[in-house]
Amino acid sequence: MTQENTVPADQCTTMAEVRAGIDALDRRIVALLAERLRFIEAAARIKPQRDHVRDEWRKADVIAKACATAAAHDFPEALAAAVYEVLVEGSIAYEFERFDARQG
């Protein structure tokens, strides 16, 4: 068994087990994304100017690192790139909101 008494993927024999495993992982993923967002809030607090919020070099670096990690874990790099494109753009939008609220 893995987290939350779910069956490991390679040992699942029913769709209920598959769904329970996915649901458990989704809860963990969202908790990690929330933790990641706390760092976005810190960035909004630390950056001195609004034009520092969007950093295309850093965006590309984050996506490249996600793709490298994906490759190391037998995860499709194109899917990692697509997910991280949405994640980073959403994070940038959230950081703008937090930066503007701080100014406000």
PDB file of N, CA and C in Angstrom:
ATOM      1  N   MET A   1       0.834  -1.191   0.000  1.00  0.00           N
ATOM      2  CA  MET A   1       0.000   0.000   0.000  1.00  0.00           C
ATOM      3  C   MET A   1       0.880   1.257   0.000  1.00  0.00           C
ATOM      4  N   THR A   2       0.348   2.330  -0.579  1.00  0.00           N
ATOM      5  CA  THR A   2       1.041   3.611  -0.594  1.00  0.00           C
ATOM      6  C   THR A   2       0.305   4.574   0.330  1.00  0.00           C
ATOM      7  N   GLN A   3       0.477   5.848   0.087  1.00  0.00           N
ATOM      8  CA  GLN A   3      -0.206   6.870   0.869  1.00  0.00           C
ATOM      9  C   GLN A   3      -1.702   6.576   0.948  1.00  0.00           C
ATOM     10  N   GLU A   4      -2.285   6.866   2.091  1.00  0.00           N
ATOM     11  CA  GLU A   4      -3.734   6.770   2.302  1.00  0.00           C
ATOM     12  C   GLU A   4      -4.279   5.371   1.989  1.00  0.00           C
ATOM     13  N   ASN A   5      -3.469   4.342   2.184  1.00  0.00           N
ATOM     14  CA  ASN A   5      -3.890   2.958   1.956  1.00  0.00           C
ATOM     15  C   ASN A   5      -4.350   2.682   0.530  1.00  0.00           C
ATOM     16  N   THR A   6      -3.746   3.350  -0.432  1.00  0.00           N
ATOM     17  CA  THR A   6      -4.073   3.061  -1.822  1.00  0.00           C
ATOM     18  C   THR A   6      -3.165   1.934  -2.319  1.00  0.00           C
ATOM     19  N   VAL A   7      -3.618   1.269  -3.336  1.00  0.00           N
ATOM     20  CA  VAL A   7      -2.870   0.175  -3.941  1.00  0.00           C
ATOM     21  C   VAL A   7      -1.894   0.771  -4.962  1.00  0.00           C
ATOM     22  N   PRO A   8      -0.634   0.313  -4.994  1.00  0.00           N
ATOM     23  CA  PRO A   8       0.297   0.806  -6.023  1.00  0.00           C
ATOM     24  C   PRO A   8      -0.259   0.541  -7.423  1.00  0.00           C
ATOM     25  N   ALA A   9       0.026   1.429  -8.361  1.00  0.00           N
ATOM     26  CA  ALA A   9      -0.533   1.346  -9.709  1.00  0.00           C
ATOM     27  C   ALA A   9      -0.308  -0.016 -10.352  1.00  0.00           C
ATOM     28  N   ASP A  10       0.870  -0.572 -10.181  1.00  0.00           N
ATOM     29  CA  ASP A  10       1.165  -1.852 -10.836  1.00  0.00           C
ATOM     30  C   ASP A  10       0.464  -3.038 -10.181  1.00  0.00           C
ATOM     31  N   GLN A  11      -0.228  -2.789  -9.058  1.00  0.00           N
ATOM     32  CA  GLN A  11      -0.957  -3.851  -8.374  1.00  0.00           C
ATOM     33  C   GLN A  11      -2.477  -3.660  -8.420  1.00  0.00           C
ATOM     34  N   CYS A  12      -2.933  -2.584  -9.061  1.00  0.00           N
ATOM     35  CA  CYS A  12      -4.374  -2.335  -9.161  1.00  0.00           C
ATOM     36  C   CYS A  12      -5.033  -3.405 -10.027  1.00  0.00           C
ATOM     37  N   THR A  13      -6.193  -3.847  -9.565  1.00  0.00           N
ATOM     38  CA  THR A  13      -6.970  -4.831 -10.333  1.00  0.00           C
ATOM     39  C   THR A  13      -8.384  -4.348 -10.619  1.00  0.00           C
ATOM     40  N   THR A  14      -8.754  -3.186 -10.043  1.00  0.00           N
ATOM     41  CA  THR A  14     -10.088  -2.634 -10.277  1.00  0.00           C
ATOM     42  C   THR A  14      -9.982  -1.141 -10.565  1.00  0.00           C
ATOM     43  N   MET A  15     -10.986  -0.619 -11.234  1.00  0.00           N
ATOM     44  CA  MET A  15     -11.022   0.822 -11.493  1.00  0.00           C
ATOM     45  C   MET A  15     -11.190   1.600 -10.193  1.00  0.00           C
ATOM     46  N   ALA A  16     -11.854   1.024  -9.218  1.00  0.00           N
ATOM     47  CA  ALA A  16     -11.991   1.696  -7.922  1.00  0.00           C
ATOM     48  C   ALA A  16     -10.614   1.932  -7.304  1.00  0.00           C
ATOM     49  N   GLU A  17      -9.733   0.952  -7.413  1.00  0.00           N
ATOM     50  CA  GLU A  17      -8.368   1.114  -6.882  1.00  0.00           C
ATOM     51  C   GLU A  17      -7.597   2.172  -7.659  1.00  0.00           C
ATOM     52  N   VAL A  18      -7.748   2.168  -8.977  1.00  0.00           N
ATOM     53  CA  VAL A  18      -7.093   3.168  -9.824  1.00  0.00           C
ATOM     54  C   VAL A  18      -7.577   4.564  -9.439  1.00  0.00           C
ATOM     55  N   ARG A  19      -8.882   4.715  -9.332  1.00  0.00           N
ATOM     56  CA  ARG A  19      -9.457   6.032  -9.010  1.00  0.00           C
ATOM     57  C   ARG A  19      -9.055   6.495  -7.617  1.00  0.00           C
ATOM     58  N   ALA A  20      -9.003   5.585  -6.671  1.00  0.00           N
ATOM     59  CA  ALA A  20      -8.586   5.948  -5.308  1.00  0.00           C
ATOM     60  C   ALA A  20      -7.135   6.414  -5.312  1.00  0.00           C
ATOM     61  N   GLY A  21      -6.304   5.748  -6.080  1.00  0.00           N
ATOM     62  CA  GLY A  21      -4.899   6.156  -6.171  1.00  0.00           C
ATOM     63  C   GLY A  21      -4.746   7.523  -6.809  1.00  0.00           C
ATOM     64  N   ILE A  22      -5.478   7.754  -7.889  1.00  0.00           N
ATOM     65  CA  ILE A  22      -5.423   9.057  -8.558  1.00  0.00           C
ATOM     66  C   ILE A  22      -5.940  10.153  -7.629  1.00  0.00           C
ATOM     67  N   ASP A  23      -7.059   9.899  -6.948  1.00  0.00           N
ATOM     68  CA  ASP A  23      -7.618  10.899  -6.029  1.00  0.00           C
ATOM     69  C   ASP A  23      -6.633  11.233  -4.914  1.00  0.00           C
ATOM     70  N   ALA A  24      -5.965  10.227  -4.382  1.00  0.00           N
ATOM     71  CA  ALA A  24      -4.977  10.457  -3.312  1.00  0.00           C
ATOM     72  C   ALA A  24      -3.812  11.292  -3.834  1.00  0.00           C
ATOM     73  N   LEU A  25      -3.337  10.957  -5.016  1.00  0.00           N
ATOM     74  CA  LEU A  25      -2.244  11.738  -5.606  1.00  0.00           C
ATOM     75  C   LEU A  25      -2.679  13.168  -5.893  1.00  0.00           C
ATOM     76  N   ASP A  26      -3.893  13.349  -6.401  1.00  0.00           N
ATOM     77  CA  ASP A  26      -4.380  14.698  -6.683  1.00  0.00           C
ATOM     78  C   ASP A  26      -4.411  15.556  -5.421  1.00  0.00           C
ATOM     79  N   ARG A  27      -4.810  14.973  -4.302  1.00  0.00           N
ATOM     80  CA  ARG A  27      -4.809  15.734  -3.045  1.00  0.00           C
ATOM     81  C   ARG A  27      -3.386  16.152  -2.673  1.00  0.00           C
ATOM     82  N   ARG A  28      -2.437  15.267  -2.860  1.00  0.00           N
ATOM     83  CA  ARG A  28      -1.040  15.595  -2.556  1.00  0.00           C
ATOM     84  C   ARG A  28      -0.499  16.654  -3.512  1.00  0.00           C
ATOM     85  N   ILE A  29      -0.836  16.512  -4.808  1.00  0.00           N
ATOM     86  CA  ILE A  29      -0.370  17.476  -5.810  1.00  0.00           C
ATOM     87  C   ILE A  29      -0.911  18.864  -5.498  1.00  0.00           C
ATOM     88  N   VAL A  30      -2.195  18.967  -5.192  1.00  0.00           N
ATOM     89  CA  VAL A  30      -2.782  20.283  -4.903  1.00  0.00           C
ATOM     90  C   VAL A  30      -2.160  20.879  -3.638  1.00  0.00           C
ATOM     91  N   ALA A  31      -1.894  20.058  -2.643  1.00  0.00           N
ATOM     92  CA  ALA A  31      -1.227  20.558  -1.432  1.00  0.00           C
ATOM     93  C   ALA A  31       0.159  21.106  -1.777  1.00  0.00           C
ATOM     94  N   LEU A  32       0.888  20.430  -2.649  1.00  0.00           N
ATOM     95  CA  LEU A  32       2.201  20.921  -3.067  1.00  0.00           C
ATOM     96  C   LEU A  32       2.080  22.203  -3.895  1.00  0.00           C
ATOM     97  N   LEU A  33       1.056  22.277  -4.741  1.00  0.00           N
ATOM     98  CA  LEU A  33       0.845  23.501  -5.515  1.00  0.00           C
ATOM     99  C   LEU A  33       0.514  24.679  -4.604  1.00  0.00           C
ATOM    100  N   ALA A  34      -0.245  24.427  -3.552  1.00  0.00           N
ATOM    101  CA  ALA A  34      -0.542  25.485  -2.580  1.00  0.00           C
ATOM    102  C   ALA A  34       0.743  25.948  -1.894  1.00  0.00           C
ATOM    103  N   GLU A  35       1.608  25.000  -1.562  1.00  0.00           N
ATOM    104  CA  GLU A  35       2.896  25.351  -0.955  1.00  0.00           C
ATOM    105  C   GLU A  35       3.745  26.167  -1.940  1.00  0.00           C
ATOM    106  N   ARG A  36       3.701  25.787  -3.216  1.00  0.00           N
ATOM    107  CA  ARG A  36       4.432  26.532  -4.249  1.00  0.00           C
ATOM    108  C   ARG A  36       3.910  27.973  -4.327  1.00  0.00           C
ATOM    109  N   LEU A  37       2.602  28.122  -4.190  1.00  0.00           N
ATOM    110  CA  LEU A  37       1.997  29.445  -4.271  1.00  0.00           C
ATOM    111  C   LEU A  37       2.457  30.366  -3.141  1.00  0.00           C
ATOM    112  N   ARG A  38       2.782  29.796  -1.989  1.00  0.00           N
ATOM    113  CA  ARG A  38       3.307  30.624  -0.903  1.00  0.00           C
ATOM    114  C   ARG A  38       4.613  31.302  -1.332  1.00  0.00           C
ATOM    115  N   PHE A  39       5.407  30.612  -2.160  1.00  0.00           N
ATOM    116  CA  PHE A  39       6.644  31.215  -2.669  1.00  0.00           C
ATOM    117  C   PHE A  39       6.345  32.298  -3.699  1.00  0.00           C
ATOM    118  N   ILE A  40       5.269  32.147  -4.445  1.00  0.00           N
ATOM    119  CA  ILE A  40       4.850  33.194  -5.381  1.00  0.00           C
ATOM    120  C   ILE A  40       4.443  34.435  -4.590  1.00  0.00           C
ATOM    121  N   GLU A  41       3.741  34.226  -3.485  1.00  0.00           N
ATOM    122  CA  GLU A  41       3.376  35.347  -2.623  1.00  0.00           C
ATOM    123  C   GLU A  41       4.621  36.032  -2.064  1.00  0.00           C
ATOM    124  N   ALA A  42       5.622  35.247  -1.694  1.00  0.00           N
ATOM    125  CA  ALA A  42       6.875  35.822  -1.194  1.00  0.00           C
ATOM    126  C   ALA A  42       7.553  36.648  -2.286  1.00  0.00           C
ATOM    127  N   ALA A  43       7.543  36.143  -3.510  1.00  0.00           N
ATOM    128  CA  ALA A  43       8.140  36.887  -4.622  1.00  0.00           C
ATOM    129  C   ALA A  43       7.434  38.224  -4.816  1.00  0.00           C
ATOM    130  N   ALA A  44       6.101  38.212  -4.737  1.00  0.00           N
ATOM    131  CA  ALA A  44       5.334  39.458  -4.890  1.00  0.00           C
ATOM    132  C   ALA A  44       5.668  40.446  -3.784  1.00  0.00           C
ATOM    133  N   ARG A  45       5.970  39.931  -2.609  1.00  0.00           N
ATOM    134  CA  ARG A  45       6.331  40.781  -1.474  1.00  0.00           C
ATOM    135  C   ARG A  45       7.751  41.329  -1.613  1.00  0.00           C
ATOM    136  N   ILE A  46       8.646  40.536  -2.200  1.00  0.00           N
ATOM    137  CA  ILE A  46      10.064  40.891  -2.253  1.00  0.00           C
ATOM    138  C   ILE A  46      10.427  41.759  -3.453  1.00  0.00           C
ATOM    139  N   LYS A  47       9.812  41.503  -4.597  1.00  0.00           N
ATOM    140  CA  LYS A  47      10.181  42.237  -5.811  1.00  0.00           C
ATOM    141  C   LYS A  47       9.857  43.717  -5.655  1.00  0.00           C
ATOM    142  N   PRO A  48      10.835  44.579  -5.989  1.00  0.00           N
ATOM    143  CA  PRO A  48      10.639  46.011  -5.749  1.00  0.00           C
ATOM    144  C   PRO A  48       9.762  46.711  -6.796  1.00  0.00           C
ATOM    145  N   GLN A  49       9.675  46.143  -7.998  1.00  0.00           N
ATOM    146  CA  GLN A  49       8.934  46.816  -9.060  1.00  0.00           C
ATOM    147  C   GLN A  49       8.019  45.829  -9.778  1.00  0.00           C
ATOM    148  N   ARG A  50       6.877  46.332 -10.239  1.00  0.00           N
ATOM    149  CA  ARG A  50       5.899  45.499 -10.925  1.00  0.00           C
ATOM    150  C   ARG A  50       6.478  44.869 -12.184  1.00  0.00           C
ATOM    151  N   ASP A  51       7.341  45.597 -12.901  1.00  0.00           N
ATOM    152  CA  ASP A  51       7.896  45.036 -14.136  1.00  0.00           C
ATOM    153  C   ASP A  51       8.894  43.902 -13.885  1.00  0.00           C
ATOM    154  N   HIS A  52       9.171  43.612 -12.635  1.00  0.00           N
ATOM    155  CA  HIS A  52      10.011  42.470 -12.291  1.00  0.00           C
ATOM    156  C   HIS A  52       9.206  41.178 -12.138  1.00  0.00           C
ATOM    157  N   VAL A  53       7.881  41.310 -12.106  1.00  0.00           N
ATOM    158  CA  VAL A  53       7.038  40.135 -11.888  1.00  0.00           C
ATOM    159  C   VAL A  53       7.183  39.150 -13.049  1.00  0.00           C
ATOM    160  N   ARG A  54       7.027  39.608 -14.265  1.00  0.00           N
ATOM    161  CA  ARG A  54       7.174  38.707 -15.430  1.00  0.00           C
ATOM    162  C   ARG A  54       8.653  38.635 -15.792  1.00  0.00           C
ATOM    163  N   ASP A  55       9.183  37.422 -15.754  1.00  0.00           N
ATOM    164  CA  ASP A  55      10.593  37.176 -16.058  1.00  0.00           C
ATOM    165  C   ASP A  55      10.640  36.004 -17.039  1.00  0.00           C
ATOM    166  N   GLU A  56      10.726  36.304 -18.304  1.00  0.00           N
ATOM    167  CA  GLU A  56      10.673  35.265 -19.338  1.00  0.00           C
ATOM    168  C   GLU A  56      11.830  34.277 -19.231  1.00  0.00           C
ATOM    169  N   TRP A  57      13.001  34.751 -18.836  1.00  0.00           N
ATOM    170  CA  TRP A  57      14.131  33.833 -18.664  1.00  0.00           C
ATOM    171  C   TRP A  57      13.808  32.818 -17.574  1.00  0.00           C
ATOM    172  N   ARG A  58      13.287  33.295 -16.450  1.00  0.00           N
ATOM    173  CA  ARG A  58      12.962  32.390 -15.347  1.00  0.00           C
ATOM    174  C   ARG A  58      11.845  31.425 -15.738  1.00  0.00           C
ATOM    175  N   LYS A  59      10.842  31.930 -16.463  1.00  0.00           N
ATOM    176  CA  LYS A  59       9.758  31.058 -16.922  1.00  0.00           C
ATOM    177  C   LYS A  59      10.335  29.915 -17.757  1.00  0.00           C
ATOM    178  N   ALA A  60      11.184  30.232 -18.707  1.00  0.00           N
ATOM    179  CA  ALA A  60      11.790  29.204 -19.558  1.00  0.00           C
ATOM    180  C   ALA A  60      12.632  28.233 -18.735  1.00  0.00           C
ATOM    181  N   ASP A  61      13.339  28.757 -17.745  1.00  0.00           N
ATOM    182  CA  ASP A  61      14.168  27.921 -16.875  1.00  0.00           C
ATOM    183  C   ASP A  61      13.311  26.941 -16.068  1.00  0.00           C
ATOM    184  N   VAL A  62      12.213  27.415 -15.505  1.00  0.00           N
ATOM    185  CA  VAL A  62      11.313  26.554 -14.719  1.00  0.00           C
ATOM    186  C   VAL A  62      10.744  25.444 -15.601  1.00  0.00           C
ATOM    187  N   ILE A  63      10.309  25.790 -16.802  1.00  0.00           N
ATOM    188  CA  ILE A  63       9.735  24.795 -17.703  1.00  0.00           C
ATOM    189  C   ILE A  63      10.800  23.793 -18.141  1.00  0.00           C
ATOM    190  N   ALA A  64      11.996  24.268 -18.442  1.00  0.00           N
ATOM    191  CA  ALA A  64      13.081  23.362 -18.831  1.00  0.00           C
ATOM    192  C   ALA A  64      13.422  22.385 -17.709  1.00  0.00           C
ATOM    193  N   LYS A  65      13.451  22.874 -16.483  1.00  0.00           N
ATOM    194  CA  LYS A  65      13.736  21.997 -15.337  1.00  0.00           C
ATOM    195  C   LYS A  65      12.620  20.978 -15.142  1.00  0.00           C
ATOM    196  N   ALA A  66      11.375  21.393 -15.330  1.00  0.00           N
ATOM    197  CA  ALA A  66      10.253  20.460 -15.219  1.00  0.00           C
ATOM    198  C   ALA A  66      10.359  19.379 -16.293  1.00  0.00           C
ATOM    199  N   CYS A  67      10.751  19.764 -17.498  1.00  0.00           N
ATOM    200  CA  CYS A  67      10.899  18.785 -18.585  1.00  0.00           C
ATOM    201  C   CYS A  67      12.038  17.814 -18.299  1.00  0.00           C
ATOM    202  N   ALA A  68      13.126  18.304 -17.748  1.00  0.00           N
ATOM    203  CA  ALA A  68      14.251  17.431 -17.397  1.00  0.00           C
ATOM    204  C   ALA A  68      13.833  16.441 -16.313  1.00  0.00           C
ATOM    205  N   THR A  69      13.090  16.920 -15.336  1.00  0.00           N
ATOM    206  CA  THR A  69      12.593  16.038 -14.274  1.00  0.00           C
ATOM    207  C   THR A  69      11.625  15.014 -14.857  1.00  0.00           C
ATOM    208  N   ALA A  70      10.772  15.463 -15.764  1.00  0.00           N
ATOM    209  CA  ALA A  70       9.832  14.546 -16.416  1.00  0.00           C
ATOM    210  C   ALA A  70      10.586  13.428 -17.123  1.00  0.00           C
ATOM    211  N   ALA A  71      11.604  13.784 -17.865  1.00  0.00           N
ATOM    212  CA  ALA A  71      12.382  12.784 -18.598  1.00  0.00           C
ATOM    213  C   ALA A  71      13.007  11.768 -17.645  1.00  0.00           C
ATOM    214  N   ALA A  72      13.456  12.241 -16.500  1.00  0.00           N
ATOM    215  CA  ALA A  72      14.087  11.364 -15.511  1.00  0.00           C
ATOM    216  C   ALA A  72      13.087  10.425 -14.845  1.00  0.00           C
ATOM    217  N   HIS A  73      11.793  10.746 -14.948  1.00  0.00           N
ATOM    218  CA  HIS A  73      10.759   9.941 -14.292  1.00  0.00           C
ATOM    219  C   HIS A  73       9.813   9.267 -15.292  1.00  0.00           C
ATOM    220  N   ASP A  74      10.267   9.137 -16.530  1.00  0.00           N
ATOM    221  CA  ASP A  74       9.470   8.472 -17.557  1.00  0.00           C
ATOM    222  C   ASP A  74       8.087   9.108 -17.707  1.00  0.00           C
ATOM    223  N   PHE A  75       8.077  10.428 -17.698  1.00  0.00           N
ATOM    224  CA  PHE A  75       6.852  11.217 -17.866  1.00  0.00           C
ATOM    225  C   PHE A  75       7.003  11.982 -19.177  1.00  0.00           C
ATOM    226  N   PRO A  76       5.988  12.065 -19.993  1.00  0.00           N
ATOM    227  CA  PRO A  76       6.113  12.747 -21.291  1.00  0.00           C
ATOM    228  C   PRO A  76       6.520  14.217 -21.128  1.00  0.00           C
ATOM    229  N   GLU A  77       7.647  14.564 -21.722  1.00  0.00           N
ATOM    230  CA  GLU A  77       8.161  15.936 -21.596  1.00  0.00           C
ATOM    231  C   GLU A  77       7.191  16.964 -22.165  1.00  0.00           C
ATOM    232  N   ALA A  78       6.532  16.634 -23.261  1.00  0.00           N
ATOM    233  CA  ALA A  78       5.579  17.585 -23.853  1.00  0.00           C
ATOM    234  C   ALA A  78       4.425  17.861 -22.905  1.00  0.00           C
ATOM    235  N   LEU A  79       3.984  16.847 -22.191  1.00  0.00           N
ATOM    236  CA  LEU A  79       2.912  17.040 -21.219  1.00  0.00           C
ATOM    237  C   LEU A  79       3.404  17.901 -20.056  1.00  0.00           C
ATOM    238  N   ALA A  80       4.612  17.642 -19.586  1.00  0.00           N
ATOM    239  CA  ALA A  80       5.184  18.458 -18.500  1.00  0.00           C
ATOM    240  C   ALA A  80       5.291  19.914 -18.952  1.00  0.00           C
ATOM    241  N   ALA A  81       5.751  20.130 -20.173  1.00  0.00           N
ATOM    242  CA  ALA A  81       5.882  21.497 -20.693  1.00  0.00           C
ATOM    243  C   ALA A  81       4.524  22.185 -20.755  1.00  0.00           C
ATOM    244  N   ALA A  82       3.511  21.474 -21.211  1.00  0.00           N
ATOM    245  CA  ALA A  82       2.170  22.064 -21.309  1.00  0.00           C
ATOM    246  C   ALA A  82       1.607  22.389 -19.933  1.00  0.00           C
ATOM    247  N   VAL A  83       1.763  21.471 -18.996  1.00  0.00           N
ATOM    248  CA  VAL A  83       1.265  21.689 -17.634  1.00  0.00           C
ATOM    249  C   VAL A  83       1.995  22.875 -17.001  1.00  0.00           C
ATOM    250  N   TYR A  84       3.302  22.917 -17.158  1.00  0.00           N
ATOM    251  CA  TYR A  84       4.068  23.993 -16.544  1.00  0.00           C
ATOM    252  C   TYR A  84       3.847  25.327 -17.238  1.00  0.00           C
ATOM    253  N   GLU A  85       3.536  25.340 -18.503  1.00  0.00           N
ATOM    254  CA  GLU A  85       3.178  26.586 -19.183  1.00  0.00           C
ATOM    255  C   GLU A  85       1.951  27.198 -18.495  1.00  0.00           C
ATOM    256  N   VAL A  86       0.945  26.382 -18.271  1.00  0.00           N
ATOM    257  CA  VAL A  86      -0.272  26.855 -17.603  1.00  0.00           C
ATOM    258  C   VAL A  86       0.033  27.237 -16.154  1.00  0.00           C
ATOM    259  N   LEU A  87       0.783  26.403 -15.447  1.00  0.00           N
ATOM    260  CA  LEU A  87       1.112  26.668 -14.049  1.00  0.00           C
ATOM    261  C   LEU A  87       1.890  27.970 -13.897  1.00  0.00           C
ATOM    262  N   VAL A  88       2.899  28.161 -14.716  1.00  0.00           N
ATOM    263  CA  VAL A  88       3.728  29.367 -14.591  1.00  0.00           C
ATOM    264  C   VAL A  88       2.938  30.613 -14.983  1.00  0.00           C
ATOM    265  N   GLU A  89       2.165  30.532 -16.054  1.00  0.00           N
ATOM    266  CA  GLU A  89       1.347  31.702 -16.438  1.00  0.00           C
ATOM    267  C   GLU A  89       0.330  32.035 -15.348  1.00  0.00           C
ATOM    268  N   GLY A  90      -0.282  31.022 -14.769  1.00  0.00           N
ATOM    269  CA  GLY A  90      -1.207  31.255 -13.659  1.00  0.00           C
ATOM    270  C   GLY A  90      -0.504  31.844 -12.452  1.00  0.00           C
ATOM    271  N   SER A  91       0.702  31.390 -12.197  1.00  0.00           N
ATOM    272  CA  SER A  91       1.492  31.907 -11.071  1.00  0.00           C
ATOM    273  C   SER A  91       1.868  33.363 -11.291  1.00  0.00           C
ATOM    274  N   ILE A  92       2.220  33.693 -12.534  1.00  0.00           N
ATOM    275  CA  ILE A  92       2.555  35.083 -12.858  1.00  0.00           C
ATOM    276  C   ILE A  92       1.331  35.976 -12.666  1.00  0.00           C
ATOM    277  N   ALA A  93       0.184  35.534 -13.130  1.00  0.00           N
ATOM    278  CA  ALA A  93      -1.046  36.313 -12.957  1.00  0.00           C
ATOM    279  C   ALA A  93      -1.340  36.509 -11.473  1.00  0.00           C
ATOM    280  N   TYR A  94      -1.175  35.440 -10.688  1.00  0.00           N
ATOM    281  CA  TYR A  94      -1.407  35.536  -9.241  1.00  0.00           C
ATOM    282  C   TYR A  94      -0.399  36.481  -8.589  1.00  0.00           C
ATOM    283  N   GLU A  95       0.842  36.409  -9.039  1.00  0.00           N
ATOM    284  CA  GLU A  95       1.858  37.306  -8.471  1.00  0.00           C
ATOM    285  C   GLU A  95       1.532  38.759  -8.785  1.00  0.00           C
ATOM    286  N   PHE A  96       1.057  39.035  -9.994  1.00  0.00           N
ATOM    287  CA  PHE A  96       0.628  40.403 -10.319  1.00  0.00           C
ATOM    288  C   PHE A  96      -0.482  40.855  -9.369  1.00  0.00           C
ATOM    289  N   GLU A  97      -1.458  39.974  -9.106  1.00  0.00           N
ATOM    290  CA  GLU A  97      -2.547  40.313  -8.190  1.00  0.00           C
ATOM    291  C   GLU A  97      -2.003  40.639  -6.802  1.00  0.00           C
ATOM    292  N   ARG A  98      -1.122  39.803  -6.311  1.00  0.00           N
ATOM    293  CA  ARG A  98      -0.569  40.014  -4.973  1.00  0.00           C
ATOM    294  C   ARG A  98       0.307  41.274  -4.935  1.00  0.00           C
ATOM    295  N   PHE A  99       1.088  41.493  -5.969  1.00  0.00           N
ATOM    296  CA  PHE A  99       1.926  42.704  -6.036  1.00  0.00           C
ATOM    297  C   PHE A  99       1.047  43.946  -6.026  1.00  0.00           C
ATOM    298  N   ASP A 100       0.001  43.947  -6.860  1.00  0.00           N
ATOM    299  CA  ASP A 100      -0.881  45.101  -6.943  1.00  0.00           C
ATOM    300  C   ASP A 100      -1.624  45.324  -5.628  1.00  0.00           C
ATOM    301  N   ALA A 101      -2.020  44.256  -4.951  1.00  0.00           N
ATOM    302  CA  ALA A 101      -2.689  44.386  -3.662  1.00  0.00           C
ATOM    303  C   ALA A 101      -1.746  44.999  -2.639  1.00  0.00           C
ATOM    304  N   ARG A 102      -0.504  44.630  -2.703  1.00  0.00           N
ATOM    305  CA  ARG A 102       0.493  45.190  -1.790  1.00  0.00           C
ATOM    306  C   ARG A 102       0.675  46.696  -2.016  1.00  0.00           C
ATOM    307  N   GLN A 103       0.578  47.100  -3.256  1.00  0.00           N
ATOM    308  CA  GLN A 103       0.753  48.509  -3.612  1.00  0.00           C
ATOM    309  C   GLN A 103      -0.465  49.351  -3.231  1.00  0.00           C
ATOM    310  N   GLY A 104      -1.598  48.683  -3.149  1.00  0.00           N
ATOM    311  CA  GLY A 104      -2.777  49.258  -3.034  1.00  0.00           C
ATOM    312  C   GLY A 104      -3.749  49.938  -2.421  1.00  0.00           C
TER     313      GLY A 104
END
